[in-house]
Amino acid sequence: MGLREDVKKMKALTDENRLAILLALQHGEKCGCDLLEELNITQPTLSHHMKILADSGLVDYYKEGKWMHYSISANGVREFREMISAYARCDCETDSSVSCGCKKKE
């Protein structure tokens, strides 16, 4: 993945509504109608946020009748965790010759 794609994934988590949506989806797939009621937001607002989450790869969706059904993407979450770990690490974790001071000295 490139930096641009990584930024897209990170930006998907920089909104209260999107975080609330992810929390709501932790318990399994939900219909858009249920998310609208649970989060007390409008349909255009939900569509906007779901597009961002889906484009980031964190949420999967499919249409059934007139409603969209959403769920957390296991693959997207795995990729997100791998991406974060690539940035949030220090070489001293894997190379004992590196001494950067991030580890607590005993």
PDB file of N, CA and C in Angstrom:
ATOM      1  N   MET A   1       0.837  -1.191   0.000  1.00  0.00           N
ATOM      2  CA  MET A   1       0.000   0.000   0.000  1.00  0.00           C
ATOM      3  C   MET A   1       0.877   1.247   0.000  1.00  0.00           C
ATOM      4  N   GLY A   2       0.363   2.287  -0.615  1.00  0.00           N
ATOM      5  CA  GLY A   2       1.078   3.543  -0.646  1.00  0.00           C
ATOM      6  C   GLY A   2       0.620   4.474   0.453  1.00  0.00           C
ATOM      7  N   LEU A   3       1.346   5.549   0.607  1.00  0.00           N
ATOM      8  CA  LEU A   3       1.005   6.525   1.645  1.00  0.00           C
ATOM      9  C   LEU A   3      -0.388   7.113   1.431  1.00  0.00           C
ATOM     10  N   ARG A   4      -0.752   7.373   0.189  1.00  0.00           N
ATOM     11  CA  ARG A   4      -2.069   7.958  -0.103  1.00  0.00           C
ATOM     12  C   ARG A   4      -3.200   7.040   0.370  1.00  0.00           C
ATOM     13  N   GLU A   5      -3.070   5.745   0.112  1.00  0.00           N
ATOM     14  CA  GLU A   5      -4.084   4.783   0.562  1.00  0.00           C
ATOM     15  C   GLU A   5      -4.099   4.674   2.087  1.00  0.00           C
ATOM     16  N   ASP A   6      -2.926   4.744   2.690  1.00  0.00           N
ATOM     17  CA  ASP A   6      -2.846   4.689   4.149  1.00  0.00           C
ATOM     18  C   ASP A   6      -3.551   5.891   4.772  1.00  0.00           C
ATOM     19  N   VAL A   7      -3.362   7.064   4.197  1.00  0.00           N
ATOM     20  CA  VAL A   7      -4.018   8.275   4.702  1.00  0.00           C
ATOM     21  C   VAL A   7      -5.537   8.144   4.569  1.00  0.00           C
ATOM     22  N   LYS A   8      -6.005   7.568   3.468  1.00  0.00           N
ATOM     23  CA  LYS A   8      -7.450   7.375   3.273  1.00  0.00           C
ATOM     24  C   LYS A   8      -8.022   6.507   4.382  1.00  0.00           C
ATOM     25  N   LYS A   9      -7.308   5.437   4.744  1.00  0.00           N
ATOM     26  CA  LYS A   9      -7.769   4.561   5.824  1.00  0.00           C
ATOM     27  C   LYS A   9      -7.789   5.299   7.159  1.00  0.00           C
ATOM     28  N   MET A  10      -6.724   6.052   7.423  1.00  0.00           N
ATOM     29  CA  MET A  10      -6.662   6.768   8.701  1.00  0.00           C
ATOM     30  C   MET A  10      -7.735   7.848   8.797  1.00  0.00           C
ATOM     31  N   LYS A  11      -7.975   8.565   7.716  1.00  0.00           N
ATOM     32  CA  LYS A  11      -8.991   9.627   7.728  1.00  0.00           C
ATOM     33  C   LYS A  11     -10.384   9.063   7.969  1.00  0.00           C
ATOM     34  N   ALA A  12     -10.592   7.821   7.588  1.00  0.00           N
ATOM     35  CA  ALA A  12     -11.911   7.207   7.798  1.00  0.00           C
ATOM     36  C   ALA A  12     -12.256   7.135   9.278  1.00  0.00           C
ATOM     37  N   LEU A  13     -11.262   7.177  10.134  1.00  0.00           N
ATOM     38  CA  LEU A  13     -11.499   7.070  11.578  1.00  0.00           C
ATOM     39  C   LEU A  13     -11.466   8.418  12.298  1.00  0.00           C
ATOM     40  N   THR A  14     -11.467   9.503  11.533  1.00  0.00           N
ATOM     41  CA  THR A  14     -11.338  10.821  12.160  1.00  0.00           C
ATOM     42  C   THR A  14     -12.670  11.562  12.267  1.00  0.00           C
ATOM     43  N   ASP A  15     -13.744  10.828  12.450  1.00  0.00           N
ATOM     44  CA  ASP A  15     -15.053  11.448  12.576  1.00  0.00           C
ATOM     45  C   ASP A  15     -15.864  10.688  13.620  1.00  0.00           C
ATOM     46  N   GLU A  16     -16.552  11.416  14.476  1.00  0.00           N
ATOM     47  CA  GLU A  16     -17.347  10.791  15.537  1.00  0.00           C
ATOM     48  C   GLU A  16     -18.434   9.867  14.985  1.00  0.00           C
ATOM     49  N   ASN A  17     -19.099  10.290  13.918  1.00  0.00           N
ATOM     50  CA  ASN A  17     -20.154   9.452  13.351  1.00  0.00           C
ATOM     51  C   ASN A  17     -19.590   8.136  12.818  1.00  0.00           C
ATOM     52  N   ARG A  18     -18.446   8.190  12.160  1.00  0.00           N
ATOM     53  CA  ARG A  18     -17.857   6.961  11.619  1.00  0.00           C
ATOM     54  C   ARG A  18     -17.385   6.036  12.729  1.00  0.00           C
ATOM     55  N   LEU A  19     -16.860   6.596  13.797  1.00  0.00           N
ATOM     56  CA  LEU A  19     -16.481   5.758  14.939  1.00  0.00           C
ATOM     57  C   LEU A  19     -17.722   5.128  15.570  1.00  0.00           C
ATOM     58  N   ALA A  20     -18.800   5.894  15.676  1.00  0.00           N
ATOM     59  CA  ALA A  20     -20.049   5.354  16.228  1.00  0.00           C
ATOM     60  C   ALA A  20     -20.596   4.242  15.333  1.00  0.00           C
ATOM     61  N   ILE A  21     -20.480   4.413  14.025  1.00  0.00           N
ATOM     62  CA  ILE A  21     -20.931   3.372  13.092  1.00  0.00           C
ATOM     63  C   ILE A  21     -20.125   2.102  13.298  1.00  0.00           C
ATOM     64  N   LEU A  22     -18.811   2.225  13.409  1.00  0.00           N
ATOM     65  CA  LEU A  22     -17.979   1.039  13.618  1.00  0.00           C
ATOM     66  C   LEU A  22     -18.331   0.352  14.939  1.00  0.00           C
ATOM     67  N   LEU A  23     -18.587   1.129  15.977  1.00  0.00           N
ATOM     68  CA  LEU A  23     -19.003   0.530  17.246  1.00  0.00           C
ATOM     69  C   LEU A  23     -20.323  -0.214  17.087  1.00  0.00           C
ATOM     70  N   ALA A  24     -21.245   0.375  16.345  1.00  0.00           N
ATOM     71  CA  ALA A  24     -22.545  -0.263  16.133  1.00  0.00           C
ATOM     72  C   ALA A  24     -22.411  -1.557  15.335  1.00  0.00           C
ATOM     73  N   LEU A  25     -21.438  -1.612  14.447  1.00  0.00           N
ATOM     74  CA  LEU A  25     -21.249  -2.803  13.612  1.00  0.00           C
ATOM     75  C   LEU A  25     -20.424  -3.897  14.291  1.00  0.00           C
ATOM     76  N   GLN A  26     -19.875  -3.616  15.447  1.00  0.00           N
ATOM     77  CA  GLN A  26     -19.073  -4.622  16.149  1.00  0.00           C
ATOM     78  C   GLN A  26     -19.881  -5.855  16.521  1.00  0.00           C
ATOM     79  N   HIS A  27     -21.179  -5.693  16.640  1.00  0.00           N
ATOM     80  CA  HIS A  27     -22.039  -6.804  17.048  1.00  0.00           C
ATOM     81  C   HIS A  27     -22.612  -7.555  15.857  1.00  0.00           C
ATOM     82  N   GLY A  28     -22.139  -7.219  14.658  1.00  0.00           N
ATOM     83  CA  GLY A  28     -22.592  -7.922  13.465  1.00  0.00           C
ATOM     84  C   GLY A  28     -23.214  -7.004  12.436  1.00  0.00           C
ATOM     85  N   GLU A  29     -23.612  -7.608  11.340  1.00  0.00           N
ATOM     86  CA  GLU A  29     -24.199  -6.887  10.211  1.00  0.00           C
ATOM     87  C   GLU A  29     -25.454  -6.130  10.621  1.00  0.00           C
ATOM     88  N   LYS A  30     -25.612  -4.937  10.023  1.00  0.00           N
ATOM     89  CA  LYS A  30     -26.809  -4.143  10.287  1.00  0.00           C
ATOM     90  C   LYS A  30     -27.313  -3.523   8.992  1.00  0.00           C
ATOM     91  N   CYS A  31     -28.602  -3.411   8.925  1.00  0.00           N
ATOM     92  CA  CYS A  31     -29.271  -2.722   7.825  1.00  0.00           C
ATOM     93  C   CYS A  31     -29.099  -1.213   8.036  1.00  0.00           C
ATOM     94  N   GLY A  32     -29.021  -0.476   6.937  1.00  0.00           N
ATOM     95  CA  GLY A  32     -28.931   0.972   7.034  1.00  0.00           C
ATOM     96  C   GLY A  32     -30.061   1.559   7.848  1.00  0.00           C
ATOM     97  N   CYS A  33     -31.263   0.975   7.741  1.00  0.00           N
ATOM     98  CA  CYS A  33     -32.412   1.484   8.503  1.00  0.00           C
ATOM     99  C   CYS A  33     -32.163   1.383  10.009  1.00  0.00           C
ATOM    100  N   ASP A  34     -31.510   0.305  10.427  1.00  0.00           N
ATOM    101  CA  ASP A  34     -31.202   0.144  11.858  1.00  0.00           C
ATOM    102  C   ASP A  34     -30.150   1.146  12.309  1.00  0.00           C
ATOM    103  N   LEU A  35     -29.153   1.390  11.468  1.00  0.00           N
ATOM    104  CA  LEU A  35     -28.115   2.366  11.814  1.00  0.00           C
ATOM    105  C   LEU A  35     -28.698   3.773  11.903  1.00  0.00           C
ATOM    106  N   LEU A  36     -29.614   4.095  10.988  1.00  0.00           N
ATOM    107  CA  LEU A  36     -30.256   5.418  11.027  1.00  0.00           C
ATOM    108  C   LEU A  36     -30.968   5.636  12.351  1.00  0.00           C
ATOM    109  N   GLU A  37     -31.694   4.639  12.776  1.00  0.00           N
ATOM    110  CA  GLU A  37     -32.457   4.742  14.025  1.00  0.00           C
ATOM    111  C   GLU A  37     -31.522   4.770  15.239  1.00  0.00           C
ATOM    112  N   GLU A  38     -30.545   3.872  15.227  1.00  0.00           N
ATOM    113  CA  GLU A  38     -29.634   3.761  16.375  1.00  0.00           C
ATOM    114  C   GLU A  38     -28.783   5.005  16.561  1.00  0.00           C
ATOM    115  N   LEU A  39     -28.311   5.590  15.466  1.00  0.00           N
ATOM    116  CA  LEU A  39     -27.388   6.721  15.548  1.00  0.00           C
ATOM    117  C   LEU A  39     -28.083   8.071  15.451  1.00  0.00           C
ATOM    118  N   ASN A  40     -29.396   8.048  15.150  1.00  0.00           N
ATOM    119  CA  ASN A  40     -30.169   9.282  15.039  1.00  0.00           C
ATOM    120  C   ASN A  40     -29.536  10.270  14.060  1.00  0.00           C
ATOM    121  N   ILE A  41     -29.248   9.776  12.858  1.00  0.00           N
ATOM    122  CA  ILE A  41     -28.702  10.616  11.794  1.00  0.00           C
ATOM    123  C   ILE A  41     -29.601  10.486  10.572  1.00  0.00           C
ATOM    124  N   THR A  42     -29.413  11.368   9.597  1.00  0.00           N
ATOM    125  CA  THR A  42     -30.228  11.329   8.382  1.00  0.00           C
ATOM    126  C   THR A  42     -29.641  10.333   7.381  1.00  0.00           C
ATOM    127  N   GLN A  43     -30.455   9.948   6.419  1.00  0.00           N
ATOM    128  CA  GLN A  43     -30.010   8.996   5.396  1.00  0.00           C
ATOM    129  C   GLN A  43     -28.843   9.548   4.575  1.00  0.00           C
ATOM    130  N   PRO A  44     -28.865  10.831   4.139  1.00  0.00           N
ATOM    131  CA  PRO A  44     -27.712  11.348   3.402  1.00  0.00           C
ATOM    132  C   PRO A  44     -26.421  11.349   4.238  1.00  0.00           C
ATOM    133  N   THR A  45     -26.557  11.615   5.526  1.00  0.00           N
ATOM    134  CA  THR A  45     -25.388  11.594   6.409  1.00  0.00           C
ATOM    135  C   THR A  45     -24.835  10.179   6.515  1.00  0.00           C
ATOM    136  N   LEU A  46     -25.720   9.207   6.691  1.00  0.00           N
ATOM    137  CA  LEU A  46     -25.279   7.812   6.759  1.00  0.00           C
ATOM    138  C   LEU A  46     -24.599   7.407   5.457  1.00  0.00           C
ATOM    139  N   SER A  47     -25.188   7.742   4.327  1.00  0.00           N
ATOM    140  CA  SER A  47     -24.601   7.387   3.030  1.00  0.00           C
ATOM    141  C   SER A  47     -23.207   7.972   2.871  1.00  0.00           C
ATOM    142  N   HIS A  48     -23.060   9.231   3.260  1.00  0.00           N
ATOM    143  CA  HIS A  48     -21.754   9.895   3.171  1.00  0.00           C
ATOM    144  C   HIS A  48     -20.693   9.143   3.983  1.00  0.00           C
ATOM    145  N   HIS A  49     -21.018   8.854   5.226  1.00  0.00           N
ATOM    146  CA  HIS A  49     -20.051   8.196   6.102  1.00  0.00           C
ATOM    147  C   HIS A  49     -19.785   6.749   5.685  1.00  0.00           C
ATOM    148  N   MET A  50     -20.826   6.060   5.210  1.00  0.00           N
ATOM    149  CA  MET A  50     -20.623   4.669   4.790  1.00  0.00           C
ATOM    150  C   MET A  50     -19.754   4.604   3.543  1.00  0.00           C
ATOM    151  N   LYS A  51     -19.868   5.578   2.650  1.00  0.00           N
ATOM    152  CA  LYS A  51     -19.008   5.606   1.463  1.00  0.00           C
ATOM    153  C   LYS A  51     -17.544   5.737   1.871  1.00  0.00           C
ATOM    154  N   ILE A  52     -17.276   6.597   2.822  1.00  0.00           N
ATOM    155  CA  ILE A  52     -15.899   6.793   3.293  1.00  0.00           C
ATOM    156  C   ILE A  52     -15.382   5.513   3.951  1.00  0.00           C
ATOM    157  N   LEU A  53     -16.202   4.899   4.799  1.00  0.00           N
ATOM    158  CA  LEU A  53     -15.775   3.657   5.463  1.00  0.00           C
ATOM    159  C   LEU A  53     -15.598   2.520   4.467  1.00  0.00           C
ATOM    160  N   ALA A  54     -16.486   2.424   3.487  1.00  0.00           N
ATOM    161  CA  ALA A  54     -16.368   1.369   2.473  1.00  0.00           C
ATOM    162  C   ALA A  54     -15.145   1.611   1.587  1.00  0.00           C
ATOM    163  N   ASP A  55     -14.915   2.855   1.182  1.00  0.00           N
ATOM    164  CA  ASP A  55     -13.753   3.177   0.349  1.00  0.00           C
ATOM    165  C   ASP A  55     -12.441   2.907   1.080  1.00  0.00           C
ATOM    166  N   SER A  56     -12.466   3.022   2.397  1.00  0.00           N
ATOM    167  CA  SER A  56     -11.259   2.758   3.184  1.00  0.00           C
ATOM    168  C   SER A  56     -11.002   1.259   3.320  1.00  0.00           C
ATOM    169  N   GLY A  57     -12.015   0.455   3.024  1.00  0.00           N
ATOM    170  CA  GLY A  57     -11.882  -0.996   3.145  1.00  0.00           C
ATOM    171  C   GLY A  57     -12.288  -1.541   4.503  1.00  0.00           C
ATOM    172  N   LEU A  58     -12.711  -0.682   5.416  1.00  0.00           N
ATOM    173  CA  LEU A  58     -13.054  -1.128   6.761  1.00  0.00           C
ATOM    174  C   LEU A  58     -14.460  -1.714   6.868  1.00  0.00           C
ATOM    175  N   VAL A  59     -15.316  -1.395   5.905  1.00  0.00           N
ATOM    176  CA  VAL A  59     -16.703  -1.857   5.948  1.00  0.00           C
ATOM    177  C   VAL A  59     -17.078  -2.499   4.612  1.00  0.00           C
ATOM    178  N   ASP A  60     -17.773  -3.627   4.695  1.00  0.00           N
ATOM    179  CA  ASP A  60     -18.347  -4.293   3.532  1.00  0.00           C
ATOM    180  C   ASP A  60     -19.836  -3.973   3.489  1.00  0.00           C
ATOM    181  N   TYR A  61     -20.430  -4.091   2.305  1.00  0.00           N
ATOM    182  CA  TYR A  61     -21.862  -3.807   2.179  1.00  0.00           C
ATOM    183  C   TYR A  61     -22.454  -4.577   1.006  1.00  0.00           C
ATOM    184  N   TYR A  62     -23.769  -4.731   1.035  1.00  0.00           N
ATOM    185  CA  TYR A  62     -24.518  -5.268  -0.093  1.00  0.00           C
ATOM    186  C   TYR A  62     -25.928  -4.707  -0.027  1.00  0.00           C
ATOM    187  N   LYS A  63     -26.586  -4.691  -1.172  1.00  0.00           N
ATOM    188  CA  LYS A  63     -27.942  -4.152  -1.246  1.00  0.00           C
ATOM    189  C   LYS A  63     -28.940  -5.294  -1.277  1.00  0.00           C
ATOM    190  N   GLU A  64     -30.000  -5.139  -0.480  1.00  0.00           N
ATOM    191  CA  GLU A  64     -31.102  -6.097  -0.471  1.00  0.00           C
ATOM    192  C   GLU A  64     -32.386  -5.292  -0.511  1.00  0.00           C
ATOM    193  N   GLY A  65     -33.097  -5.398  -1.620  1.00  0.00           N
ATOM    194  CA  GLY A  65     -34.280  -4.562  -1.783  1.00  0.00           C
ATOM    195  C   GLY A  65     -33.863  -3.111  -1.878  1.00  0.00           C
ATOM    196  N   LYS A  66     -34.487  -2.271  -1.068  1.00  0.00           N
ATOM    197  CA  LYS A  66     -34.103  -0.855  -1.099  1.00  0.00           C
ATOM    198  C   LYS A  66     -33.066  -0.494  -0.042  1.00  0.00           C
ATOM    199  N   TRP A  67     -32.682  -1.459   0.791  1.00  0.00           N
ATOM    200  CA  TRP A  67     -31.765  -1.161   1.892  1.00  0.00           C
ATOM    201  C   TRP A  67     -30.379  -1.737   1.671  1.00  0.00           C
ATOM    202  N   MET A  68     -29.413  -1.011   2.203  1.00  0.00           N
ATOM    203  CA  MET A  68     -28.026  -1.480   2.212  1.00  0.00           C
ATOM    204  C   MET A  68     -27.785  -2.169   3.557  1.00  0.00           C
ATOM    205  N   HIS A  69     -26.974  -3.196   3.518  1.00  0.00           N
ATOM    206  CA  HIS A  69     -26.582  -3.916   4.729  1.00  0.00           C
ATOM    207  C   HIS A  69     -25.068  -3.765   4.874  1.00  0.00           C
ATOM    208  N   TYR A  70     -24.640  -3.457   6.086  1.00  0.00           N
ATOM    209  CA  TYR A  70     -23.234  -3.141   6.338  1.00  0.00           C
ATOM    210  C   TYR A  70     -22.655  -4.065   7.402  1.00  0.00           C
ATOM    211  N   SER A  71     -21.365  -4.338   7.260  1.00  0.00           N
ATOM    212  CA  SER A  71     -20.645  -5.119   8.272  1.00  0.00           C
ATOM    213  C   SER A  71     -19.181  -4.707   8.254  1.00  0.00           C
ATOM    214  N   ILE A  72     -18.517  -4.962   9.357  1.00  0.00           N
ATOM    215  CA  ILE A  72     -17.080  -4.698   9.424  1.00  0.00           C
ATOM    216  C   ILE A  72     -16.371  -5.723   8.547  1.00  0.00           C
ATOM    217  N   SER A  73     -15.408  -5.253   7.773  1.00  0.00           N
ATOM    218  CA  SER A  73     -14.640  -6.125   6.891  1.00  0.00           C
ATOM    219  C   SER A  73     -13.469  -6.734   7.665  1.00  0.00           C
ATOM    220  N   ALA A  74     -13.497  -8.053   7.851  1.00  0.00           N
ATOM    221  CA  ALA A  74     -12.403  -8.720   8.568  1.00  0.00           C
ATOM    222  C   ALA A  74     -11.079  -8.491   7.854  1.00  0.00           C
ATOM    223  N   ASN A  75     -11.102  -8.575   6.535  1.00  0.00           N
ATOM    224  CA  ASN A  75      -9.882  -8.356   5.763  1.00  0.00           C
ATOM    225  C   ASN A  75      -9.410  -6.907   5.883  1.00  0.00           C
ATOM    226  N   GLY A  76     -10.366  -5.967   5.822  1.00  0.00           N
ATOM    227  CA  GLY A  76     -10.020  -4.556   5.952  1.00  0.00           C
ATOM    228  C   GLY A  76      -9.429  -4.226   7.311  1.00  0.00           C
ATOM    229  N   VAL A  77      -9.976  -4.821   8.355  1.00  0.00           N
ATOM    230  CA  VAL A  77      -9.458  -4.593   9.713  1.00  0.00           C
ATOM    231  C   VAL A  77      -8.048  -5.180   9.841  1.00  0.00           C
ATOM    232  N   ARG A  78      -7.851  -6.368   9.290  1.00  0.00           N
ATOM    233  CA  ARG A  78      -6.511  -6.990   9.333  1.00  0.00           C
ATOM    234  C   ARG A  78      -5.501  -6.105   8.617  1.00  0.00           C
ATOM    235  N   GLU A  79      -5.851  -5.619   7.427  1.00  0.00           N
ATOM    236  CA  GLU A  79      -4.952  -4.735   6.683  1.00  0.00           C
ATOM    237  C   GLU A  79      -4.691  -3.439   7.438  1.00  0.00           C
ATOM    238  N   PHE A  80      -5.723  -2.903   8.089  1.00  0.00           N
ATOM    239  CA  PHE A  80      -5.560  -1.665   8.856  1.00  0.00           C
ATOM    240  C   PHE A  80      -4.587  -1.881  10.016  1.00  0.00           C
ATOM    241  N   ARG A  81      -4.753  -2.993  10.723  1.00  0.00           N
ATOM    242  CA  ARG A  81      -3.845  -3.293  11.838  1.00  0.00           C
ATOM    243  C   ARG A  81      -2.406  -3.437  11.364  1.00  0.00           C
ATOM    244  N   GLU A  82      -2.224  -4.107  10.241  1.00  0.00           N
ATOM    245  CA  GLU A  82      -0.876  -4.264   9.686  1.00  0.00           C
ATOM    246  C   GLU A  82      -0.287  -2.905   9.306  1.00  0.00           C
ATOM    247  N   MET A  83      -1.116  -2.050   8.714  1.00  0.00           N
ATOM    248  CA  MET A  83      -0.651  -0.721   8.323  1.00  0.00           C
ATOM    249  C   MET A  83      -0.231   0.087   9.545  1.00  0.00           C
ATOM    250  N   ILE A  84      -1.077   0.088  10.578  1.00  0.00           N
ATOM    251  CA  ILE A  84      -0.755   0.844  11.792  1.00  0.00           C
ATOM    252  C   ILE A  84       0.526   0.317  12.430  1.00  0.00           C
ATOM    253  N   SER A  85       0.676  -0.997  12.472  1.00  0.00           N
ATOM    254  CA  SER A  85       1.878  -1.555  13.099  1.00  0.00           C
ATOM    255  C   SER A  85       3.139  -1.188  12.326  1.00  0.00           C
ATOM    256  N   ALA A  86       3.020  -0.953  11.034  1.00  0.00           N
ATOM    257  CA  ALA A  86       4.183  -0.545  10.245  1.00  0.00           C
ATOM    258  C   ALA A  86       4.637   0.866  10.618  1.00  0.00           C
ATOM    259  N   TYR A  87       3.687   1.718  11.011  1.00  0.00           N
ATOM    260  CA  TYR A  87       4.032   3.089  11.398  1.00  0.00           C
ATOM    261  C   TYR A  87       4.333   3.202  12.891  1.00  0.00           C
ATOM    262  N   ALA A  88       3.614   2.465  13.703  1.00  0.00           N
ATOM    263  CA  ALA A  88       3.718   2.595  15.157  1.00  0.00           C
ATOM    264  C   ALA A  88       4.648   1.523  15.720  1.00  0.00           C
ATOM    265  N   ARG A  89       5.851   1.524  15.260  1.00  0.00           N
ATOM    266  CA  ARG A  89       6.848   0.602  15.780  1.00  0.00           C
ATOM    267  C   ARG A  89       8.195   1.322  15.801  1.00  0.00           C
ATOM    268  N   CYS A  90       9.126   0.713  16.443  1.00  0.00           N
ATOM    269  CA  CYS A  90      10.468   1.263  16.516  1.00  0.00           C
ATOM    270  C   CYS A  90      11.444   0.151  16.143  1.00  0.00           C
ATOM    271  N   ASP A  91      12.500   0.488  15.449  1.00  0.00           N
ATOM    272  CA  ASP A  91      13.480  -0.515  15.041  1.00  0.00           C
ATOM    273  C   ASP A  91      14.111  -1.239  16.227  1.00  0.00           C
ATOM    274  N   CYS A  92      14.079  -0.626  17.409  1.00  0.00           N
ATOM    275  CA  CYS A  92      14.649  -1.282  18.575  1.00  0.00           C
ATOM    276  C   CYS A  92      13.854  -2.524  18.974  1.00  0.00           C
ATOM    277  N   GLU A  93      12.612  -2.644  18.477  1.00  0.00           N
ATOM    278  CA  GLU A  93      11.796  -3.813  18.778  1.00  0.00           C
ATOM    279  C   GLU A  93      12.308  -5.061  18.075  1.00  0.00           C
ATOM    280  N   THR A  94      12.957  -4.872  16.930  1.00  0.00           N
ATOM    281  CA  THR A  94      13.415  -6.014  16.145  1.00  0.00           C
ATOM    282  C   THR A  94      14.927  -6.071  15.993  1.00  0.00           C
ATOM    283  N   ASP A  95      15.600  -5.009  16.346  1.00  0.00           N
ATOM    284  CA  ASP A  95      17.060  -4.945  16.177  1.00  0.00           C
ATOM    285  C   ASP A  95      17.686  -4.509  17.498  1.00  0.00           C
ATOM    286  N   SER A  96      18.338  -5.450  18.170  1.00  0.00           N
ATOM    287  CA  SER A  96      18.908  -5.152  19.490  1.00  0.00           C
ATOM    288  C   SER A  96      20.067  -4.161  19.423  1.00  0.00           C
ATOM    289  N   SER A  97      20.606  -3.915  18.235  1.00  0.00           N
ATOM    290  CA  SER A  97      21.700  -2.953  18.119  1.00  0.00           C
ATOM    291  C   SER A  97      21.192  -1.511  18.078  1.00  0.00           C
ATOM    292  N   VAL A  98      19.878  -1.325  17.948  1.00  0.00           N
ATOM    293  CA  VAL A  98      19.290   0.019  17.920  1.00  0.00           C
ATOM    294  C   VAL A  98      18.877   0.373  19.343  1.00  0.00           C
ATOM    295  N   SER A  99      19.336   1.541  19.800  1.00  0.00           N
ATOM    296  CA  SER A  99      18.971   2.017  21.128  1.00  0.00           C
ATOM    297  C   SER A  99      18.417   3.422  20.985  1.00  0.00           C
ATOM    298  N   CYS A 100      17.105   3.536  20.999  1.00  0.00           N
ATOM    299  CA  CYS A 100      16.480   4.841  20.757  1.00  0.00           C
ATOM    300  C   CYS A 100      15.892   5.444  22.013  1.00  0.00           C
ATOM    301  N   GLY A 101      15.773   4.689  23.071  1.00  0.00           N
ATOM    302  CA  GLY A 101      15.206   5.221  24.301  1.00  0.00           C
ATOM    303  C   GLY A 101      13.713   5.063  24.423  1.00  0.00           C
ATOM    304  N   CYS A 102      13.055   4.417  23.462  1.00  0.00           N
ATOM    305  CA  CYS A 102      11.604   4.254  23.574  1.00  0.00           C
ATOM    306  C   CYS A 102      11.231   3.157  24.551  1.00  0.00           C
ATOM    307  N   LYS A 103      12.153   2.250  24.809  1.00  0.00           N
ATOM    308  CA  LYS A 103      11.889   1.206  25.800  1.00  0.00           C
ATOM    309  C   LYS A 103      12.263   1.739  27.174  1.00  0.00           C
ATOM    310  N   LYS A 104      11.475   1.355  28.125  1.00  0.00           N
ATOM    311  CA  LYS A 104      11.721   1.790  29.492  1.00  0.00           C
ATOM    312  C   LYS A 104      13.002   1.142  30.017  1.00  0.00           C
ATOM    313  N   LYS A 105      13.913   1.951  30.490  1.00  0.00           N
ATOM    314  CA  LYS A 105      15.181   1.453  31.034  1.00  0.00           C
ATOM    315  C   LYS A 105      14.931   0.881  32.426  1.00  0.00           C
ATOM    316  N   GLU A 106      15.525  -0.260  32.666  1.00  0.00           N
ATOM    317  CA  GLU A 106      15.374  -0.871  33.996  1.00  0.00           C
ATOM    318  C   GLU A 106      16.663  -0.800  34.750  1.00  0.00           C
TER     319      GLU A 106
END
